[in-house]
Amino acid sequence: MLVLGIQSSLVLSRPSIKFTEPKLSSVSLSRYYASEQMRVFYTPRYYAEIGAQHIFPIRKFELVRDRLLAEGTLQQEELVEPDPATLENVHLVHTEDYVSRLCNGTLTAKELRRLGLPWSESLVRRSFYAVGGTICAARHALELGFSSNLAGGTHHAFADRGEGFCVFNDVAIAIHALRWENLMRRAAVVDCDVHQGNGTATIFADDDHTFTFSIHGANNYPLFKAKSTLDVELADGASDEDYLRTLAEGLPAVFEHEPEIVFYLAGADPYVRDKLGRLAVSMDGLRQRDAFVLRECFEREIPLVTVMSGGYGEDINETVEIHCNTIRMVKNIFENQTVLIKCGETLKTTCDDSCGSF
């Protein structure tokens, strides 16, 4: 069964990646952060039929979009519908065998249990579009400084399989796609989902150009953790103070890597009332987390992409609010502070108090 009409053949060779000088420089010449540059990628195709009682809140993507528009945080023209990722994009990370069997609906029962989602054409379609959203956001961030995808952060997907509600590893694919396009070389992943990004860690295990940072629950899924560049573990019941202190201690190592782009997985699941979280971080604590990570990138002039990652609140409205807070914080820090960067010189900086404090 062929879905999406992506390509008539699923057999593609994996391109070998050769580094050349990037076409774009993330900090050279000038970058002017202004409100008209905000682009948030979203499509109704982020929805898939997985069953109304499934623990994965598939409606959250649409609900986040609706709330941000209704309150005026986003204007309709700031929302952009992405193209789906191509098979060539996906094959930069995932094996042809896995992708082919996923598209044709021939994954084994064991593979589907590990994935945790029922197969459907809409699931396959959703997966290609979610990856496309992250790729598009990354290209936009490299050009203009920041962007967001109202999906993504599927960090449990390995090269040869899906796992933990994650079909494709969108961030890994985006990093490889940007390199294939010679847009950048050095990347960092700041993974603040409560579950360790085991797929991402494994994919980049031998990649000196990608720094993977994960702050997660020590006793939470996955049972057997992979090795990120830097893993920071939190005990069950960790508070705002515990979380923010640990984050502040670990994050500087990311920037020592000198990334040309940062992918921020702003998971909602460290929240105290998350069904799969096991931590005790408040909504305000997560807002401070966002402010800290975003400001660190902003002040260093590092292009930033935010993706949503996990969130399984007892009340879906709380999960939606946490994800909305991330986009609000992006707007506050990257738009409400007017910065003109020219040849590395900051000419003017103003800060809106609503950015939060750390």
Protein backbone atom coordinates (compact mmCIF):
# COMPACT_ATOMS: atom_id res chain seq x y z
CA MET A 1 0.00 0.00 0.00
CA LEU A 2 1.50 3.31 -1.01
CA VAL A 3 0.56 6.36 1.03
CA LEU A 4 1.01 10.11 0.61
CA GLY A 5 2.00 9.78 -3.02
CA ILE A 6 5.48 10.62 -1.81
CA GLN A 7 7.32 8.50 -4.31
CA SER A 8 6.58 5.64 -6.64
CA SER A 9 9.43 3.56 -5.27
CA LEU A 10 10.47 3.06 -1.68
CA VAL A 11 13.94 1.91 -2.66
CA LEU A 12 16.37 4.78 -2.27
CA SER A 13 20.05 4.68 -1.60
CA ARG A 14 21.25 6.57 1.43
CA PRO A 15 23.23 9.62 0.34
CA SER A 16 26.69 9.79 1.85
CA ILE A 17 27.15 13.08 3.67
CA LYS A 18 30.20 15.11 2.78
CA PHE A 19 30.83 18.30 4.70
CA THR A 20 31.57 21.45 2.76
CA GLU A 21 31.53 25.04 3.86
CA PRO A 22 27.96 26.05 4.84
CA LYS A 23 26.01 28.23 2.48
CA LEU A 24 24.69 30.24 5.41
CA SER A 25 26.42 31.52 8.52
CA SER A 26 24.23 31.63 11.58
CA VAL A 27 25.95 34.63 13.19
CA SER A 28 27.85 36.45 10.44
CA LEU A 29 26.73 39.62 8.66
CA SER A 30 23.50 40.71 10.36
CA ARG A 31 20.29 39.37 11.76
CA TYR A 32 17.38 41.51 12.83
CA TYR A 33 14.86 39.79 15.06
CA ALA A 34 11.42 41.28 14.35
CA SER A 35 7.84 40.20 14.82
CA GLU A 36 7.14 39.68 11.12
CA GLN A 37 9.76 36.93 11.05
CA MET A 38 7.95 34.59 13.44
CA ARG A 39 6.98 31.40 11.66
CA VAL A 40 5.23 28.51 13.35
CA PHE A 41 4.71 25.37 11.32
CA TYR A 42 1.42 23.50 11.64
CA THR A 43 -0.95 21.43 9.54
CA PRO A 44 -4.19 19.60 10.33
CA ARG A 45 -2.36 16.55 8.98
CA TYR A 46 -0.59 16.32 12.35
CA TYR A 47 -3.72 14.46 13.41
CA ALA A 48 -3.98 10.69 13.03
CA GLU A 49 -6.62 8.14 13.92
CA ILE A 50 -5.29 6.33 17.00
CA GLY A 51 -8.50 5.88 19.01
CA ALA A 52 -10.25 8.29 21.35
CA GLN A 53 -9.10 6.48 24.50
CA HIS A 54 -5.41 6.35 23.63
CA ILE A 55 -3.12 7.89 26.25
CA PHE A 56 -1.31 9.89 23.57
CA PRO A 57 -3.22 13.21 23.27
CA ILE A 58 -3.26 13.45 19.50
CA ARG A 59 -5.64 16.44 19.61
CA LYS A 60 -3.14 18.62 21.47
CA PHE A 61 -1.51 19.93 18.29
CA GLU A 62 -4.76 21.38 17.02
CA LEU A 63 -5.74 22.67 20.47
CA VAL A 64 -2.42 24.50 20.89
CA ARG A 65 -2.88 26.12 17.47
CA ASP A 66 -6.44 27.14 18.30
CA ARG A 67 -5.55 28.67 21.67
CA LEU A 68 -2.60 30.67 20.35
CA LEU A 69 -4.74 32.09 17.55
CA ALA A 70 -7.75 32.81 19.77
CA GLU A 71 -5.73 34.78 22.31
CA GLY A 72 -3.79 36.68 19.65
CA THR A 73 -0.35 35.30 20.46
CA LEU A 74 -0.15 34.12 16.86
CA GLN A 75 -1.65 35.70 13.79
CA GLN A 76 -2.91 33.51 10.97
CA GLU A 77 -0.13 34.71 8.68
CA GLU A 78 2.49 33.45 11.15
CA LEU A 79 1.25 29.89 10.74
CA VAL A 80 2.79 28.03 7.81
CA GLU A 81 1.77 24.60 6.55
CA PRO A 82 4.88 22.51 5.94
CA ASP A 83 5.53 20.17 3.10
CA PRO A 84 5.92 16.53 4.16
CA ALA A 85 9.42 15.18 4.50
CA THR A 86 10.61 13.31 1.43
CA LEU A 87 11.70 9.71 1.48
CA GLU A 88 15.21 10.94 0.77
CA ASN A 89 15.03 13.06 3.93
CA VAL A 90 13.80 10.19 6.05
CA HIS A 91 16.36 7.75 4.66
CA LEU A 92 19.14 10.01 5.90
CA VAL A 93 18.38 8.52 9.34
CA HIS A 94 16.00 5.57 9.02
CA THR A 95 16.60 2.27 7.27
CA GLU A 96 14.88 1.56 3.99
CA ASP A 97 13.47 -1.69 5.40
CA TYR A 98 11.78 0.03 8.35
CA VAL A 99 10.41 2.91 6.26
CA SER A 100 9.13 0.60 3.54
CA ARG A 101 7.31 -1.71 5.93
CA LEU A 102 5.89 1.26 7.85
CA CYS A 103 4.50 2.80 4.66
CA ASN A 104 3.13 -0.52 3.43
CA GLY A 105 1.52 -1.43 6.75
CA THR A 106 3.59 -4.56 7.30
CA LEU A 107 5.24 -3.86 10.65
CA THR A 108 5.12 -6.87 12.96
CA ALA A 109 2.88 -7.05 16.00
CA LYS A 110 5.97 -6.76 18.20
CA GLU A 111 7.09 -3.64 16.38
CA LEU A 112 3.66 -2.06 16.78
CA ARG A 113 3.61 -2.88 20.50
CA ARG A 114 6.98 -1.20 20.89
CA LEU A 115 5.75 1.80 18.91
CA GLY A 116 2.63 2.04 21.06
CA LEU A 117 0.42 3.34 18.23
CA PRO A 118 -1.95 1.52 15.88
CA TRP A 119 -0.97 1.57 12.22
CA SER A 120 -3.04 3.58 9.77
CA GLU A 121 -2.47 5.57 6.63
CA SER A 122 -3.17 8.72 8.63
CA LEU A 123 -0.37 7.78 11.08
CA VAL A 124 2.11 7.42 8.23
CA ARG A 125 0.92 10.69 6.69
CA ARG A 126 1.17 12.45 10.03
CA SER A 127 4.70 11.19 10.58
CA PHE A 128 6.00 12.55 7.27
CA TYR A 129 4.34 15.92 7.85
CA ALA A 130 5.63 16.25 11.42
CA VAL A 131 9.18 15.65 10.20
CA GLY A 132 8.59 18.14 7.40
CA GLY A 133 7.51 20.72 9.96
CA THR A 134 10.76 20.38 11.89
CA ILE A 135 12.87 20.54 8.72
CA CYS A 136 11.03 23.68 7.59
CA ALA A 137 11.37 25.28 11.02
CA ALA A 138 15.09 24.52 11.07
CA ARG A 139 15.67 26.11 7.66
CA HIS A 140 13.74 29.18 8.76
CA ALA A 141 15.67 29.40 12.04
CA LEU A 142 19.01 29.30 10.24
CA GLU A 143 17.88 32.13 8.00
CA LEU A 144 16.11 34.36 10.50
CA GLY A 145 17.06 33.19 13.98
CA PHE A 146 14.13 31.23 15.41
CA SER A 147 11.12 29.13 14.51
CA SER A 148 8.77 26.54 15.99
CA ASN A 149 7.00 23.38 14.96
CA LEU A 150 3.69 22.59 16.67
CA ALA A 151 4.63 18.90 16.65
CA GLY A 152 7.88 16.95 16.67
CA GLY A 153 10.31 15.98 19.37
CA THR A 154 9.83 12.27 18.63
CA HIS A 155 13.07 11.29 20.30
CA HIS A 156 12.43 7.58 20.96
CA ALA A 157 12.57 6.63 17.27
CA PHE A 158 15.68 4.67 16.30
CA ALA A 159 17.12 4.23 12.82
CA ASP A 160 15.46 0.83 12.37
CA ARG A 161 12.30 1.13 14.46
CA GLY A 162 9.76 3.31 16.17
CA GLU A 163 9.27 3.30 19.91
CA GLY A 164 7.35 5.12 22.63
CA PHE A 165 4.81 6.85 20.33
CA CYS A 166 7.66 8.01 18.07
CA VAL A 167 7.57 6.87 14.43
CA PHE A 168 10.41 8.94 12.93
CA ASN A 169 13.08 10.94 14.73
CA ASP A 170 12.25 14.36 13.32
CA VAL A 171 15.10 16.27 14.95
CA ALA A 172 17.72 13.77 13.80
CA ILE A 173 16.33 13.88 10.26
CA ALA A 174 16.32 17.69 10.27
CA ILE A 175 19.95 17.83 11.41
CA HIS A 176 21.05 15.43 8.70
CA ALA A 177 18.94 17.21 6.09
CA LEU A 178 20.52 20.58 6.91
CA ARG A 179 23.96 19.04 6.62
CA TRP A 180 23.06 17.40 3.34
CA GLU A 181 22.04 20.85 2.09
CA ASN A 182 25.33 22.29 3.41
CA LEU A 183 23.47 24.72 5.68
CA MET A 184 25.31 23.90 8.87
CA ARG A 185 27.61 21.38 10.51
CA ARG A 186 27.44 21.63 14.31
CA ALA A 187 24.10 21.12 16.07
CA ALA A 188 22.84 20.64 19.61
CA VAL A 189 19.73 18.94 20.95
CA VAL A 190 18.41 20.23 24.28
CA ASP A 191 15.93 17.57 25.32
CA CYS A 192 13.73 18.61 28.24
CA ASP A 193 11.14 15.88 27.84
CA VAL A 194 10.83 13.88 31.07
CA HIS A 195 11.80 10.69 29.22
CA GLN A 196 15.34 10.23 27.99
CA GLY A 197 15.79 10.70 24.26
CA ASN A 198 17.21 7.23 23.73
CA GLY A 199 16.66 7.19 19.97
CA THR A 200 18.36 10.54 19.48
CA ALA A 201 21.27 9.54 21.72
CA THR A 202 21.81 6.32 19.75
CA ILE A 203 21.56 7.94 16.32
CA PHE A 204 24.21 10.52 17.23
CA ALA A 205 26.38 8.28 19.41
CA ASP A 206 29.36 8.50 17.04
CA ASP A 207 28.69 12.01 15.75
CA ASP A 208 31.15 14.53 17.16
CA HIS A 209 29.31 17.37 15.44
CA THR A 210 26.05 16.88 17.38
CA PHE A 211 25.78 17.48 21.13
CA THR A 212 22.84 15.64 22.71
CA PHE A 213 21.72 16.89 26.13
CA SER A 214 18.91 15.15 28.00
CA ILE A 215 17.46 16.10 31.39
CA HIS A 216 15.00 13.39 32.43
CA GLY A 217 13.57 11.24 35.18
CA ALA A 218 16.06 8.63 36.38
CA ASN A 219 13.37 6.04 37.06
CA ASN A 220 11.15 6.78 34.09
CA TYR A 221 10.90 5.30 30.59
CA PRO A 222 12.99 4.00 28.93
CA LEU A 223 14.12 1.36 31.42
CA PHE A 224 17.49 1.01 29.70
CA LYS A 225 18.89 4.43 28.87
CA ALA A 226 21.15 5.15 25.92
CA LYS A 227 24.18 7.40 26.34
CA SER A 228 23.73 11.02 25.29
CA THR A 229 26.65 13.42 25.13
CA LEU A 230 25.37 14.60 28.51
CA ASP A 231 22.61 12.93 30.51
CA VAL A 232 21.26 14.60 33.65
CA GLU A 233 18.92 12.49 35.77
CA LEU A 234 16.30 13.64 38.26
CA ALA A 235 14.82 11.69 41.15
CA ASP A 236 11.09 11.04 41.34
CA GLY A 237 9.27 14.02 42.80
CA ALA A 238 11.91 16.57 41.76
CA SER A 239 10.66 20.10 42.47
CA ASP A 240 10.95 23.34 40.52
CA GLU A 241 14.11 24.20 42.46
CA ASP A 242 15.66 20.78 41.81
CA TYR A 243 14.82 20.89 38.12
CA LEU A 244 15.95 24.44 37.42
CA ARG A 245 19.18 24.11 39.40
CA THR A 246 20.08 20.89 37.60
CA LEU A 247 19.27 22.43 34.22
CA ALA A 248 21.42 25.48 34.98
CA GLU A 249 24.34 23.25 35.95
CA GLY A 250 24.15 21.13 32.80
CA LEU A 251 23.18 23.54 30.02
CA PRO A 252 26.52 25.43 29.72
CA ALA A 253 28.16 22.27 28.32
CA VAL A 254 25.84 22.52 25.31
CA PHE A 255 27.21 25.91 24.34
CA GLU A 256 30.82 24.86 24.82
CA HIS A 257 30.14 22.66 21.79
CA GLU A 258 29.58 25.89 19.78
CA PRO A 259 26.45 24.73 17.94
CA GLU A 260 25.25 26.55 14.87
CA ILE A 261 21.65 25.63 15.71
CA VAL A 262 19.83 24.35 18.79
CA PHE A 263 16.78 22.10 18.75
CA TYR A 264 14.79 22.50 21.97
CA LEU A 265 12.43 19.68 22.93
CA ALA A 266 10.07 21.53 25.26
CA GLY A 267 8.27 18.55 26.77
CA ALA A 268 5.20 19.21 28.91
CA ASP A 269 5.58 15.94 30.81
CA PRO A 270 7.84 17.03 33.70
CA TYR A 271 4.62 18.65 34.99
CA VAL A 272 3.43 17.55 38.42
CA ARG A 273 0.04 16.40 37.11
CA ASP A 274 1.35 14.55 34.07
CA LYS A 275 0.23 10.92 33.99
CA LEU A 276 3.64 9.70 32.81
CA GLY A 277 5.89 12.28 34.45
CA ARG A 278 6.77 11.28 38.02
CA LEU A 279 8.25 14.71 38.74
CA ALA A 280 6.72 17.61 40.69
CA VAL A 281 7.52 20.57 38.46
CA SER A 282 4.87 23.29 38.38
CA MET A 283 3.57 25.10 35.33
CA ASP A 284 5.50 28.17 36.40
CA GLY A 285 8.62 26.05 36.82
CA LEU A 286 8.29 24.88 33.21
CA ARG A 287 7.76 28.46 32.12
CA GLN A 288 11.02 29.40 33.85
CA ARG A 289 12.69 26.43 32.15
CA ASP A 290 11.59 27.74 28.75
CA ALA A 291 12.75 31.25 29.57
CA PHE A 292 16.17 30.03 30.64
CA VAL A 293 16.86 27.83 27.61
CA LEU A 294 15.50 30.35 25.11
CA ARG A 295 17.33 33.30 26.61
CA GLU A 296 20.62 31.40 26.65
CA CYS A 297 20.25 30.77 22.91
CA PHE A 298 19.11 34.31 22.20
CA GLU A 299 21.97 35.97 24.05
CA ARG A 300 24.49 33.78 22.21
CA GLU A 301 22.85 34.51 18.84
CA ILE A 302 22.30 30.80 18.16
CA PRO A 303 19.40 29.92 15.86
CA LEU A 304 16.69 28.06 17.74
CA VAL A 305 14.00 25.55 16.80
CA THR A 306 11.36 24.54 19.34
CA VAL A 307 9.39 21.30 19.03
CA MET A 308 6.66 20.07 21.35
CA SER A 309 7.70 16.57 22.44
CA GLY A 310 5.66 14.77 25.13
CA GLY A 311 2.85 15.76 27.46
CA TYR A 312 0.20 13.51 28.99
CA GLY A 313 -1.57 15.64 31.59
CA GLU A 314 -4.52 14.39 33.56
CA ASP A 315 -6.25 17.44 32.06
CA ILE A 316 -5.35 17.96 28.41
CA ASN A 317 -5.97 21.69 28.85
CA GLU A 318 -2.98 21.87 31.18
CA THR A 319 -0.78 20.11 28.65
CA VAL A 320 -1.97 22.52 25.98
CA GLU A 321 -1.25 25.50 28.24
CA ILE A 322 2.33 24.32 28.87
CA HIS A 323 2.97 23.97 25.14
CA CYS A 324 1.39 27.39 24.53
CA ASN A 325 3.67 28.89 27.17
CA THR A 326 6.68 27.79 25.14
CA ILE A 327 5.46 29.68 22.06
CA ARG A 328 4.56 32.71 24.18
CA MET A 329 8.07 32.67 25.60
CA VAL A 330 9.61 32.46 22.15
CA LYS A 331 7.61 35.55 21.20
CA ASN A 332 8.60 37.37 24.39
CA ILE A 333 12.30 36.68 24.13
CA PHE A 334 12.87 36.79 20.38
CA GLU A 335 10.37 39.50 19.47
CA ASN A 336 9.82 41.72 22.50
CA GLN A 337 13.55 42.21 22.87
CA THR A 338 14.66 44.28 19.92
CA VAL A 339 18.18 43.33 18.93
CA LEU A 340 20.13 44.51 15.95
CA ILE A 341 23.15 42.33 15.43
CA LYS A 342 25.63 43.60 12.92
CA CYS A 343 29.00 41.94 12.48
CA GLY A 344 28.68 40.51 15.98
CA GLU A 345 27.99 43.87 17.66
CA THR A 346 24.80 44.32 19.71
CA LEU A 347 23.60 47.85 19.08
CA LYS A 348 20.42 47.90 21.13
CA THR A 349 18.72 45.60 23.58
CA THR A 350 15.44 46.09 25.39
CA CYS A 351 13.75 43.48 27.52
CA ASP A 352 10.10 42.92 28.31
CA ASP A 353 9.64 42.01 31.98
CA SER A 354 7.14 39.36 30.97
CA CYS A 355 10.02 37.20 29.70
CA GLY A 356 10.28 35.72 33.17
CA SER A 357 13.28 35.40 35.42
CA PHE A 358 15.58 32.59 36.40
